[in-house]
Amino acid sequence: MTDYSDLNDNVRNYTETDTNVLSDAIIKPFIASIEDQILRTVDLTYFRKYDSATLTVGNPFLPLPGDWQNTRFIQIYDASASEPNRTFLLQKDISFMNEYWPDRTANATPK
């Protein structure tokens, strides 16, 4: 396999179908989904990126970079403290957060 068209041909050969069933428009998102899964599963250092964002009072969400793939961790850096400190946030499912802290308008320090 040397290029993208070879990959499309291999997928069609494996599934024993032709372009009438598996058009390029169908195969393209399928391949993109598999690439994303591989990037999340393999976790190669080459694909890691670091970004920073500013927390806003009253906004429970952080902006994501345009090329975001996966979140490994989130760390809060409090530069306003007398001695700047870093706090790693625990990853929790959104259903846990909605049950634990349903009032998103209340201000609190993330944990």
PDB file of N, CA and C in Angstrom:
ATOM      1  N   MET A   1       0.850  -1.164   0.000  1.00  0.00           N
ATOM      2  CA  MET A   1       0.000   0.000   0.000  1.00  0.00           C
ATOM      3  C   MET A   1       0.897   1.229   0.000  1.00  0.00           C
ATOM      4  N   THR A   2       0.719   2.069  -0.993  1.00  0.00           N
ATOM      5  CA  THR A   2       1.617   3.214  -1.125  1.00  0.00           C
ATOM      6  C   THR A   2       0.913   4.553  -0.982  1.00  0.00           C
ATOM      7  N   ASP A   3      -0.396   4.603  -1.202  1.00  0.00           N
ATOM      8  CA  ASP A   3      -1.086   5.890  -1.090  1.00  0.00           C
ATOM      9  C   ASP A   3      -2.544   5.679  -0.688  1.00  0.00           C
ATOM     10  N   TYR A   4      -3.268   6.795  -0.628  1.00  0.00           N
ATOM     11  CA  TYR A   4      -4.652   6.775  -0.166  1.00  0.00           C
ATOM     12  C   TYR A   4      -5.558   5.934  -1.073  1.00  0.00           C
ATOM     13  N   SER A   5      -5.350   6.004  -2.374  1.00  0.00           N
ATOM     14  CA  SER A   5      -6.198   5.217  -3.289  1.00  0.00           C
ATOM     15  C   SER A   5      -5.970   3.718  -3.093  1.00  0.00           C
ATOM     16  N   ASP A   6      -4.720   3.331  -2.774  1.00  0.00           N
ATOM     17  CA  ASP A   6      -4.456   1.919  -2.460  1.00  0.00           C
ATOM     18  C   ASP A   6      -5.201   1.491  -1.204  1.00  0.00           C
ATOM     19  N   LEU A   7      -5.253   2.377  -0.216  1.00  0.00           N
ATOM     20  CA  LEU A   7      -5.981   2.068   1.015  1.00  0.00           C
ATOM     21  C   LEU A   7      -7.463   1.875   0.719  1.00  0.00           C
ATOM     22  N   ASN A   8      -8.038   2.767  -0.087  1.00  0.00           N
ATOM     23  CA  ASN A   8      -9.444   2.611  -0.483  1.00  0.00           C
ATOM     24  C   ASN A   8      -9.670   1.279  -1.194  1.00  0.00           C
ATOM     25  N   ASP A   9      -8.779   0.933  -2.114  1.00  0.00           N
ATOM     26  CA  ASP A   9      -8.900  -0.340  -2.831  1.00  0.00           C
ATOM     27  C   ASP A   9      -8.802  -1.525  -1.869  1.00  0.00           C
ATOM     28  N   ASN A  10      -7.898  -1.456  -0.916  1.00  0.00           N
ATOM     29  CA  ASN A  10      -7.751  -2.545   0.052  1.00  0.00           C
ATOM     30  C   ASN A  10      -9.000  -2.707   0.910  1.00  0.00           C
ATOM     31  N   VAL A  11      -9.618  -1.594   1.314  1.00  0.00           N
ATOM     32  CA  VAL A  11     -10.853  -1.670   2.104  1.00  0.00           C
ATOM     33  C   VAL A  11     -11.958  -2.313   1.270  1.00  0.00           C
ATOM     34  N   ARG A  12     -12.074  -1.893   0.025  1.00  0.00           N
ATOM     35  CA  ARG A  12     -13.102  -2.480  -0.846  1.00  0.00           C
ATOM     36  C   ARG A  12     -12.831  -3.961  -1.118  1.00  0.00           C
ATOM     37  N   ASN A  13     -11.580  -4.329  -1.306  1.00  0.00           N
ATOM     38  CA  ASN A  13     -11.244  -5.737  -1.519  1.00  0.00           C
ATOM     39  C   ASN A  13     -11.549  -6.566  -0.278  1.00  0.00           C
ATOM     40  N   TYR A  14     -11.218  -6.030   0.891  1.00  0.00           N
ATOM     41  CA  TYR A  14     -11.452  -6.767   2.139  1.00  0.00           C
ATOM     42  C   TYR A  14     -12.943  -6.985   2.367  1.00  0.00           C
ATOM     43  N   THR A  15     -13.735  -5.963   2.073  1.00  0.00           N
ATOM     44  CA  THR A  15     -15.179  -6.081   2.293  1.00  0.00           C
ATOM     45  C   THR A  15     -15.908  -6.701   1.101  1.00  0.00           C
ATOM     46  N   GLU A  16     -15.154  -6.993   0.048  1.00  0.00           N
ATOM     47  CA  GLU A  16     -15.708  -7.613  -1.152  1.00  0.00           C
ATOM     48  C   GLU A  16     -16.847  -6.795  -1.754  1.00  0.00           C
ATOM     49  N   THR A  17     -16.633  -5.480  -1.842  1.00  0.00           N
ATOM     50  CA  THR A  17     -17.605  -4.574  -2.445  1.00  0.00           C
ATOM     51  C   THR A  17     -16.891  -3.685  -3.456  1.00  0.00           C
ATOM     52  N   ASP A  18     -17.673  -2.871  -4.147  1.00  0.00           N
ATOM     53  CA  ASP A  18     -17.067  -1.957  -5.117  1.00  0.00           C
ATOM     54  C   ASP A  18     -17.448  -0.515  -4.778  1.00  0.00           C
ATOM     55  N   THR A  19     -17.151   0.409  -5.689  1.00  0.00           N
ATOM     56  CA  THR A  19     -17.393   1.833  -5.435  1.00  0.00           C
ATOM     57  C   THR A  19     -18.876   2.170  -5.373  1.00  0.00           C
ATOM     58  N   ASN A  20     -19.742   1.307  -5.882  1.00  0.00           N
ATOM     59  CA  ASN A  20     -21.187   1.554  -5.774  1.00  0.00           C
ATOM     60  C   ASN A  20     -21.661   1.430  -4.329  1.00  0.00           C
ATOM     61  N   VAL A  21     -21.021   0.561  -3.557  1.00  0.00           N
ATOM     62  CA  VAL A  21     -21.405   0.352  -2.160  1.00  0.00           C
ATOM     63  C   VAL A  21     -20.540   1.205  -1.235  1.00  0.00           C
ATOM     64  N   LEU A  22     -19.242   1.139  -1.404  1.00  0.00           N
ATOM     65  CA  LEU A  22     -18.309   1.903  -0.572  1.00  0.00           C
ATOM     66  C   LEU A  22     -17.662   2.997  -1.407  1.00  0.00           C
ATOM     67  N   SER A  23     -18.360   4.099  -1.518  1.00  0.00           N
ATOM     68  CA  SER A  23     -17.806   5.227  -2.273  1.00  0.00           C
ATOM     69  C   SER A  23     -16.743   5.922  -1.422  1.00  0.00           C
ATOM     70  N   ASP A  24     -15.992   6.800  -2.048  1.00  0.00           N
ATOM     71  CA  ASP A  24     -14.967   7.558  -1.319  1.00  0.00           C
ATOM     72  C   ASP A  24     -15.589   8.375  -0.198  1.00  0.00           C
ATOM     73  N   ALA A  25     -16.813   8.875  -0.405  1.00  0.00           N
ATOM     74  CA  ALA A  25     -17.499   9.667   0.619  1.00  0.00           C
ATOM     75  C   ALA A  25     -17.823   8.828   1.855  1.00  0.00           C
ATOM     76  N   ILE A  26     -17.991   7.539   1.698  1.00  0.00           N
ATOM     77  CA  ILE A  26     -18.264   6.650   2.831  1.00  0.00           C
ATOM     78  C   ILE A  26     -16.961   6.209   3.490  1.00  0.00           C
ATOM     79  N   ILE A  27     -15.954   5.918   2.692  1.00  0.00           N
ATOM     80  CA  ILE A  27     -14.684   5.418   3.233  1.00  0.00           C
ATOM     81  C   ILE A  27     -13.908   6.509   3.974  1.00  0.00           C
ATOM     82  N   LYS A  28     -13.972   7.748   3.507  1.00  0.00           N
ATOM     83  CA  LYS A  28     -13.171   8.822   4.101  1.00  0.00           C
ATOM     84  C   LYS A  28     -13.443   9.005   5.600  1.00  0.00           C
ATOM     85  N   PRO A  29     -14.713   9.164   6.063  1.00  0.00           N
ATOM     86  CA  PRO A  29     -14.933   9.303   7.509  1.00  0.00           C
ATOM     87  C   PRO A  29     -14.592   8.027   8.285  1.00  0.00           C
ATOM     88  N   PHE A  30     -14.759   6.880   7.640  1.00  0.00           N
ATOM     89  CA  PHE A  30     -14.394   5.608   8.259  1.00  0.00           C
ATOM     90  C   PHE A  30     -12.889   5.586   8.562  1.00  0.00           C
ATOM     91  N   ILE A  31     -12.075   5.967   7.599  1.00  0.00           N
ATOM     92  CA  ILE A  31     -10.619   5.993   7.779  1.00  0.00           C
ATOM     93  C   ILE A  31     -10.232   7.051   8.812  1.00  0.00           C
ATOM     94  N   ALA A  32     -10.871   8.224   8.770  1.00  0.00           N
ATOM     95  CA  ALA A  32     -10.573   9.278   9.746  1.00  0.00           C
ATOM     96  C   ALA A  32     -10.889   8.809  11.166  1.00  0.00           C
ATOM     97  N   SER A  33     -11.981   8.077  11.324  1.00  0.00           N
ATOM     98  CA  SER A  33     -12.356   7.549  12.639  1.00  0.00           C
ATOM     99  C   SER A  33     -11.322   6.552  13.153  1.00  0.00           C
ATOM    100  N   ILE A  34     -10.839   5.691  12.288  1.00  0.00           N
ATOM    101  CA  ILE A  34      -9.816   4.709  12.668  1.00  0.00           C
ATOM    102  C   ILE A  34      -8.505   5.419  13.015  1.00  0.00           C
ATOM    103  N   GLU A  35      -8.141   6.444  12.248  1.00  0.00           N
ATOM    104  CA  GLU A  35      -6.926   7.208  12.559  1.00  0.00           C
ATOM    105  C   GLU A  35      -7.027   7.841  13.944  1.00  0.00           C
ATOM    106  N   ASP A  36      -8.188   8.429  14.250  1.00  0.00           N
ATOM    107  CA  ASP A  36      -8.390   9.039  15.567  1.00  0.00           C
ATOM    108  C   ASP A  36      -8.274   8.001  16.686  1.00  0.00           C
ATOM    109  N   GLN A  37      -8.867   6.823  16.453  1.00  0.00           N
ATOM    110  CA  GLN A  37      -8.797   5.764  17.465  1.00  0.00           C
ATOM    111  C   GLN A  37      -7.357   5.320  17.680  1.00  0.00           C
ATOM    112  N   ILE A  38      -6.596   5.202  16.630  1.00  0.00           N
ATOM    113  CA  ILE A  38      -5.187   4.805  16.749  1.00  0.00           C
ATOM    114  C   ILE A  38      -4.406   5.867  17.523  1.00  0.00           C
ATOM    115  N   LEU A  39      -4.645   7.144  17.230  1.00  0.00           N
ATOM    116  CA  LEU A  39      -3.945   8.214  17.943  1.00  0.00           C
ATOM    117  C   LEU A  39      -4.259   8.192  19.436  1.00  0.00           C
ATOM    118  N   ARG A  40      -5.518   7.889  19.797  1.00  0.00           N
ATOM    119  CA  ARG A  40      -5.884   7.827  21.219  1.00  0.00           C
ATOM    120  C   ARG A  40      -5.329   6.583  21.893  1.00  0.00           C
ATOM    121  N   THR A  41      -5.283   5.478  21.191  1.00  0.00           N
ATOM    122  CA  THR A  41      -4.861   4.210  21.769  1.00  0.00           C
ATOM    123  C   THR A  41      -3.351   4.103  21.903  1.00  0.00           C
ATOM    124  N   VAL A  42      -2.632   4.468  20.867  1.00  0.00           N
ATOM    125  CA  VAL A  42      -1.182   4.292  20.847  1.00  0.00           C
ATOM    126  C   VAL A  42      -0.481   5.344  21.699  1.00  0.00           C
ATOM    127  N   ASP A  43      -0.969   6.571  21.714  1.00  0.00           N
ATOM    128  CA  ASP A  43      -0.426   7.651  22.537  1.00  0.00           C
ATOM    129  C   ASP A  43       1.063   7.867  22.316  1.00  0.00           C
ATOM    130  N   LEU A  44       1.431   8.075  21.076  1.00  0.00           N
ATOM    131  CA  LEU A  44       2.831   8.344  20.750  1.00  0.00           C
ATOM    132  C   LEU A  44       3.220   9.761  21.150  1.00  0.00           C
ATOM    133  N   THR A  45       4.407   9.925  21.651  1.00  0.00           N
ATOM    134  CA  THR A  45       4.903  11.237  22.050  1.00  0.00           C
ATOM    135  C   THR A  45       4.872  12.216  20.877  1.00  0.00           C
ATOM    136  N   TYR A  46       5.103  11.721  19.692  1.00  0.00           N
ATOM    137  CA  TYR A  46       5.128  12.558  18.489  1.00  0.00           C
ATOM    138  C   TYR A  46       3.816  13.330  18.304  1.00  0.00           C
ATOM    139  N   PHE A  47       2.704  12.721  18.670  1.00  0.00           N
ATOM    140  CA  PHE A  47       1.399  13.336  18.444  1.00  0.00           C
ATOM    141  C   PHE A  47       0.919  14.186  19.614  1.00  0.00           C
ATOM    142  N   ARG A  48       1.674  14.254  20.694  1.00  0.00           N
ATOM    143  CA  ARG A  48       1.259  15.038  21.853  1.00  0.00           C
ATOM    144  C   ARG A  48       1.437  16.522  21.589  1.00  0.00           C
ATOM    145  N   LYS A  49       0.456  17.277  22.049  1.00  0.00           N
ATOM    146  CA  LYS A  49       0.513  18.729  21.950  1.00  0.00           C
ATOM    147  C   LYS A  49       0.066  19.303  23.290  1.00  0.00           C
ATOM    148  N   TYR A  50       0.581  20.454  23.608  1.00  0.00           N
ATOM    149  CA  TYR A  50       0.227  21.109  24.851  1.00  0.00           C
ATOM    150  C   TYR A  50      -0.373  22.467  24.520  1.00  0.00           C
ATOM    151  N   ASP A  51      -1.398  22.833  25.260  1.00  0.00           N
ATOM    152  CA  ASP A  51      -2.063  24.088  25.004  1.00  0.00           C
ATOM    153  C   ASP A  51      -2.459  24.701  26.340  1.00  0.00           C
ATOM    154  N   SER A  52      -2.678  25.980  26.336  1.00  0.00           N
ATOM    155  CA  SER A  52      -3.140  26.636  27.551  1.00  0.00           C
ATOM    156  C   SER A  52      -4.403  27.427  27.233  1.00  0.00           C
ATOM    157  N   ALA A  53      -5.235  27.593  28.247  1.00  0.00           N
ATOM    158  CA  ALA A  53      -6.480  28.347  28.116  1.00  0.00           C
ATOM    159  C   ALA A  53      -6.726  29.051  29.439  1.00  0.00           C
ATOM    160  N   THR A  54      -7.588  30.013  29.412  1.00  0.00           N
ATOM    161  CA  THR A  54      -7.903  30.772  30.616  1.00  0.00           C
ATOM    162  C   THR A  54      -9.290  30.389  31.104  1.00  0.00           C
ATOM    163  N   LEU A  55      -9.383  30.070  32.404  1.00  0.00           N
ATOM    164  CA  LEU A  55     -10.682  29.800  33.012  1.00  0.00           C
ATOM    165  C   LEU A  55     -11.430  31.115  33.168  1.00  0.00           C
ATOM    166  N   THR A  56     -12.725  31.076  32.895  1.00  0.00           N
ATOM    167  CA  THR A  56     -13.560  32.258  33.014  1.00  0.00           C
ATOM    168  C   THR A  56     -14.630  32.010  34.060  1.00  0.00           C
ATOM    169  N   VAL A  57     -14.780  32.949  34.981  1.00  0.00           N
ATOM    170  CA  VAL A  57     -15.798  32.818  36.020  1.00  0.00           C
ATOM    171  C   VAL A  57     -17.170  32.739  35.368  1.00  0.00           C
ATOM    172  N   GLY A  58     -17.963  31.767  35.800  1.00  0.00           N
ATOM    173  CA  GLY A  58     -19.304  31.586  35.270  1.00  0.00           C
ATOM    174  C   GLY A  58     -19.375  30.734  34.019  1.00  0.00           C
ATOM    175  N   ASN A  59     -18.230  30.341  33.459  1.00  0.00           N
ATOM    176  CA  ASN A  59     -18.214  29.485  32.275  1.00  0.00           C
ATOM    177  C   ASN A  59     -17.616  28.134  32.672  1.00  0.00           C
ATOM    178  N   PRO A  60     -18.418  27.058  32.664  1.00  0.00           N
ATOM    179  CA  PRO A  60     -17.916  25.761  33.107  1.00  0.00           C
ATOM    180  C   PRO A  60     -17.073  25.023  32.064  1.00  0.00           C
ATOM    181  N   PHE A  61     -16.855  25.623  30.909  1.00  0.00           N
ATOM    182  CA  PHE A  61     -16.158  24.931  29.834  1.00  0.00           C
ATOM    183  C   PHE A  61     -14.870  25.649  29.454  1.00  0.00           C
ATOM    184  N   LEU A  62     -13.921  24.886  28.919  1.00  0.00           N
ATOM    185  CA  LEU A  62     -12.675  25.436  28.397  1.00  0.00           C
ATOM    186  C   LEU A  62     -12.711  25.388  26.878  1.00  0.00           C
ATOM    187  N   PRO A  63     -12.137  26.383  26.218  1.00  0.00           N
ATOM    188  CA  PRO A  63     -12.058  26.303  24.753  1.00  0.00           C
ATOM    189  C   PRO A  63     -11.033  25.246  24.339  1.00  0.00           C
ATOM    190  N   LEU A  64     -11.339  24.518  23.289  1.00  0.00           N
ATOM    191  CA  LEU A  64     -10.429  23.503  22.775  1.00  0.00           C
ATOM    192  C   LEU A  64      -9.677  24.048  21.577  1.00  0.00           C
ATOM    193  N   PRO A  65      -8.414  23.643  21.426  1.00  0.00           N
ATOM    194  CA  PRO A  65      -7.694  24.055  20.217  1.00  0.00           C
ATOM    195  C   PRO A  65      -8.320  23.416  18.979  1.00  0.00           C
ATOM    196  N   GLY A  66      -8.144  24.038  17.840  1.00  0.00           N
ATOM    197  CA  GLY A  66      -8.744  23.552  16.605  1.00  0.00           C
ATOM    198  C   GLY A  66      -8.276  22.172  16.192  1.00  0.00           C
ATOM    199  N   ASP A  67      -7.051  21.796  16.562  1.00  0.00           N
ATOM    200  CA  ASP A  67      -6.523  20.476  16.181  1.00  0.00           C
ATOM    201  C   ASP A  67      -6.583  19.480  17.330  1.00  0.00           C
ATOM    202  N   TRP A  68      -7.511  19.667  18.257  1.00  0.00           N
ATOM    203  CA  TRP A  68      -7.631  18.801  19.427  1.00  0.00           C
ATOM    204  C   TRP A  68      -7.987  17.369  19.022  1.00  0.00           C
ATOM    205  N   GLN A  69      -7.321  16.403  19.626  1.00  0.00           N
ATOM    206  CA  GLN A  69      -7.594  14.990  19.379  1.00  0.00           C
ATOM    207  C   GLN A  69      -8.071  14.284  20.642  1.00  0.00           C
ATOM    208  N   ASN A  70      -7.372  14.519  21.747  1.00  0.00           N
ATOM    209  CA  ASN A  70      -7.636  13.768  22.961  1.00  0.00           C
ATOM    210  C   ASN A  70      -7.075  14.550  24.145  1.00  0.00           C
ATOM    211  N   THR A  71      -7.704  14.418  25.301  1.00  0.00           N
ATOM    212  CA  THR A  71      -7.206  15.071  26.508  1.00  0.00           C
ATOM    213  C   THR A  71      -6.548  14.028  27.400  1.00  0.00           C
ATOM    214  N   ARG A  72      -5.280  14.237  27.691  1.00  0.00           N
ATOM    215  CA  ARG A  72      -4.551  13.337  28.595  1.00  0.00           C
ATOM    216  C   ARG A  72      -4.709  13.798  30.028  1.00  0.00           C
ATOM    217  N   PHE A  73      -4.614  15.095  30.255  1.00  0.00           N
ATOM    218  CA  PHE A  73      -4.805  15.656  31.589  1.00  0.00           C
ATOM    219  C   PHE A  73      -5.092  17.143  31.471  1.00  0.00           C
ATOM    220  N   ILE A  74      -5.647  17.691  32.558  1.00  0.00           N
ATOM    221  CA  ILE A  74      -5.853  19.130  32.660  1.00  0.00           C
ATOM    222  C   ILE A  74      -5.232  19.569  33.973  1.00  0.00           C
ATOM    223  N   GLN A  75      -4.518  20.632  33.890  1.00  0.00           N
ATOM    224  CA  GLN A  75      -3.798  21.148  35.044  1.00  0.00           C
ATOM    225  C   GLN A  75      -4.150  22.627  35.202  1.00  0.00           C
ATOM    226  N   ILE A  76      -4.459  23.027  36.428  1.00  0.00           N
ATOM    227  CA  ILE A  76      -4.737  24.428  36.696  1.00  0.00           C
ATOM    228  C   ILE A  76      -3.488  25.060  37.280  1.00  0.00           C
ATOM    229  N   TYR A  77      -3.103  26.158  36.697  1.00  0.00           N
ATOM    230  CA  TYR A  77      -1.944  26.914  37.170  1.00  0.00           C
ATOM    231  C   TYR A  77      -2.458  28.225  37.729  1.00  0.00           C
ATOM    232  N   ASP A  78      -2.348  28.376  39.022  1.00  0.00           N
ATOM    233  CA  ASP A  78      -2.841  29.574  39.700  1.00  0.00           C
ATOM    234  C   ASP A  78      -1.684  30.538  39.916  1.00  0.00           C
ATOM    235  N   ALA A  79      -1.543  31.480  39.019  1.00  0.00           N
ATOM    236  CA  ALA A  79      -0.449  32.441  39.099  1.00  0.00           C
ATOM    237  C   ALA A  79      -0.760  33.570  40.066  1.00  0.00           C
ATOM    238  N   SER A  80      -2.025  33.707  40.481  1.00  0.00           N
ATOM    239  CA  SER A  80      -2.398  34.807  41.373  1.00  0.00           C
ATOM    240  C   SER A  80      -2.046  34.524  42.832  1.00  0.00           C
ATOM    241  N   ALA A  81      -1.757  33.273  43.160  1.00  0.00           N
ATOM    242  CA  ALA A  81      -1.405  32.928  44.533  1.00  0.00           C
ATOM    243  C   ALA A  81      -0.029  33.503  44.870  1.00  0.00           C
ATOM    244  N   SER A  82       0.234  33.677  46.168  1.00  0.00           N
ATOM    245  CA  SER A  82       1.531  34.220  46.576  1.00  0.00           C
ATOM    246  C   SER A  82       2.669  33.331  46.086  1.00  0.00           C
ATOM    247  N   GLU A  83       2.434  32.042  46.102  1.00  0.00           N
ATOM    248  CA  GLU A  83       3.379  31.082  45.522  1.00  0.00           C
ATOM    249  C   GLU A  83       2.611  30.284  44.476  1.00  0.00           C
ATOM    250  N   PRO A  84       2.848  30.540  43.177  1.00  0.00           N
ATOM    251  CA  PRO A  84       2.066  29.858  42.130  1.00  0.00           C
ATOM    252  C   PRO A  84       2.073  28.341  42.309  1.00  0.00           C
ATOM    253  N   ASN A  85       0.897  27.747  42.190  1.00  0.00           N
ATOM    254  CA  ASN A  85       0.811  26.300  42.337  1.00  0.00           C
ATOM    255  C   ASN A  85       0.072  25.679  41.160  1.00  0.00           C
ATOM    256  N   ARG A  86       0.275  24.386  41.003  1.00  0.00           N
ATOM    257  CA  ARG A  86      -0.346  23.628  39.925  1.00  0.00           C
ATOM    258  C   ARG A  86      -1.202  22.527  40.537  1.00  0.00           C
ATOM    259  N   THR A  87      -2.410  22.376  40.005  1.00  0.00           N
ATOM    260  CA  THR A  87      -3.333  21.348  40.474  1.00  0.00           C
ATOM    261  C   THR A  87      -3.806  20.545  39.273  1.00  0.00           C
ATOM    262  N   PHE A  88      -3.637  19.235  39.325  1.00  0.00           N
ATOM    263  CA  PHE A  88      -4.141  18.362  38.275  1.00  0.00           C
ATOM    264  C   PHE A  88      -5.591  18.024  38.570  1.00  0.00           C
ATOM    265  N   LEU A  89      -6.453  18.151  37.567  1.00  0.00           N
ATOM    266  CA  LEU A  89      -7.863  17.826  37.736  1.00  0.00           C
ATOM    267  C   LEU A  89      -8.091  16.339  37.505  1.00  0.00           C
ATOM    268  N   LEU A  90      -9.031  15.782  38.243  1.00  0.00           N
ATOM    269  CA  LEU A  90      -9.409  14.383  38.052  1.00  0.00           C
ATOM    270  C   LEU A  90     -10.400  14.297  36.898  1.00  0.00           C
ATOM    271  N   GLN A  91     -10.221  13.317  36.029  1.00  0.00           N
ATOM    272  CA  GLN A  91     -11.156  13.142  34.920  1.00  0.00           C
ATOM    273  C   GLN A  91     -12.400  12.432  35.435  1.00  0.00           C
ATOM    274  N   LYS A  92     -13.535  13.049  35.206  1.00  0.00           N
ATOM    275  CA  LYS A  92     -14.820  12.495  35.620  1.00  0.00           C
ATOM    276  C   LYS A  92     -15.786  12.550  34.448  1.00  0.00           C
ATOM    277  N   ASP A  93     -16.717  11.613  34.430  1.00  0.00           N
ATOM    278  CA  ASP A  93     -17.749  11.604  33.412  1.00  0.00           C
ATOM    279  C   ASP A  93     -18.679  12.793  33.645  1.00  0.00           C
ATOM    280  N   ILE A  94     -19.250  13.338  32.576  1.00  0.00           N
ATOM    281  CA  ILE A  94     -20.117  14.501  32.691  1.00  0.00           C
ATOM    282  C   ILE A  94     -21.343  14.199  33.545  1.00  0.00           C
ATOM    283  N   SER A  95     -21.831  12.953  33.535  1.00  0.00           N
ATOM    284  CA  SER A  95     -22.995  12.609  34.361  1.00  0.00           C
ATOM    285  C   SER A  95     -22.653  12.728  35.842  1.00  0.00           C
ATOM    286  N   PHE A  96     -21.436  12.376  36.221  1.00  0.00           N
ATOM    287  CA  PHE A  96     -20.984  12.533  37.604  1.00  0.00           C
ATOM    288  C   PHE A  96     -20.979  14.011  37.978  1.00  0.00           C
ATOM    289  N   MET A  97     -20.447  14.842  37.093  1.00  0.00           N
ATOM    290  CA  MET A  97     -20.367  16.269  37.376  1.00  0.00           C
ATOM    291  C   MET A  97     -21.755  16.902  37.471  1.00  0.00           C
ATOM    292  N   ASN A  98     -22.671  16.496  36.613  1.00  0.00           N
ATOM    293  CA  ASN A  98     -24.027  17.043  36.653  1.00  0.00           C
ATOM    294  C   ASN A  98     -24.749  16.658  37.938  1.00  0.00           C
ATOM    295  N   GLU A  99     -24.489  15.466  38.440  1.00  0.00           N
ATOM    296  CA  GLU A  99     -25.117  15.030  39.682  1.00  0.00           C
ATOM    297  C   GLU A  99     -24.449  15.682  40.892  1.00  0.00           C
ATOM    298  N   TYR A 100     -23.134  15.775  40.871  1.00  0.00           N
ATOM    299  CA  TYR A 100     -22.392  16.315  42.010  1.00  0.00           C
ATOM    300  C   TYR A 100     -22.553  17.822  42.130  1.00  0.00           C
ATOM    301  N   TRP A 101     -22.510  18.533  41.009  1.00  0.00           N
ATOM    302  CA  TRP A 101     -22.553  19.989  41.021  1.00  0.00           C
ATOM    303  C   TRP A 101     -23.530  20.478  39.958  1.00  0.00           C
ATOM    304  N   PRO A 102     -24.847  20.317  40.189  1.00  0.00           N
ATOM    305  CA  PRO A 102     -25.813  20.681  39.150  1.00  0.00           C
ATOM    306  C   PRO A 102     -25.941  22.187  38.907  1.00  0.00           C
ATOM    307  N   ASP A 103     -25.609  23.009  39.929  1.00  0.00           N
ATOM    308  CA  ASP A 103     -25.672  24.457  39.774  1.00  0.00           C
ATOM    309  C   ASP A 103     -24.364  24.987  39.255  1.00  0.00           C
ATOM    310  N   ARG A 104     -24.245  25.137  37.949  1.00  0.00           N
ATOM    311  CA  ARG A 104     -22.978  25.570  37.346  1.00  0.00           C
ATOM    312  C   ARG A 104     -22.723  27.056  37.521  1.00  0.00           C
ATOM    313  N   THR A 105     -23.697  27.789  38.047  1.00  0.00           N
ATOM    314  CA  THR A 105     -23.497  29.216  38.241  1.00  0.00           C
ATOM    315  C   THR A 105     -22.755  29.505  39.546  1.00  0.00           C
ATOM    316  N   ALA A 106     -22.710  28.538  40.449  1.00  0.00           N
ATOM    317  CA  ALA A 106     -22.004  28.734  41.717  1.00  0.00           C
ATOM    318  C   ALA A 106     -20.509  28.690  41.465  1.00  0.00           C
ATOM    319  N   ASN A 107     -19.765  29.558  42.129  1.00  0.00           N
ATOM    320  CA  ASN A 107     -18.314  29.617  41.949  1.00  0.00           C
ATOM    321  C   ASN A 107     -17.632  28.705  42.953  1.00  0.00           C
ATOM    322  N   ALA A 108     -16.643  27.982  42.484  1.00  0.00           N
ATOM    323  CA  ALA A 108     -15.869  27.091  43.348  1.00  0.00           C
ATOM    324  C   ALA A 108     -14.540  26.834  42.678  1.00  0.00           C
ATOM    325  N   THR A 109     -13.606  26.314  43.443  1.00  0.00           N
ATOM    326  CA  THR A 109     -12.304  25.951  42.891  1.00  0.00           C
ATOM    327  C   THR A 109     -12.385  24.539  42.346  1.00  0.00           C
ATOM    328  N   PRO A 110     -12.035  24.313  41.079  1.00  0.00           N
ATOM    329  CA  PRO A 110     -12.067  22.964  40.505  1.00  0.00           C
ATOM    330  C   PRO A 110     -11.124  22.021  41.241  1.00  0.00           C
ATOM    331  N   LYS A 111     -11.501  20.767  41.285  1.00  0.00           N
ATOM    332  CA  LYS A 111     -10.677  19.733  41.938  1.00  0.00           C
ATOM    333  C   LYS A 111     -10.341  18.652  40.942  1.00  0.00           C
TER     334      LYS A 111
END
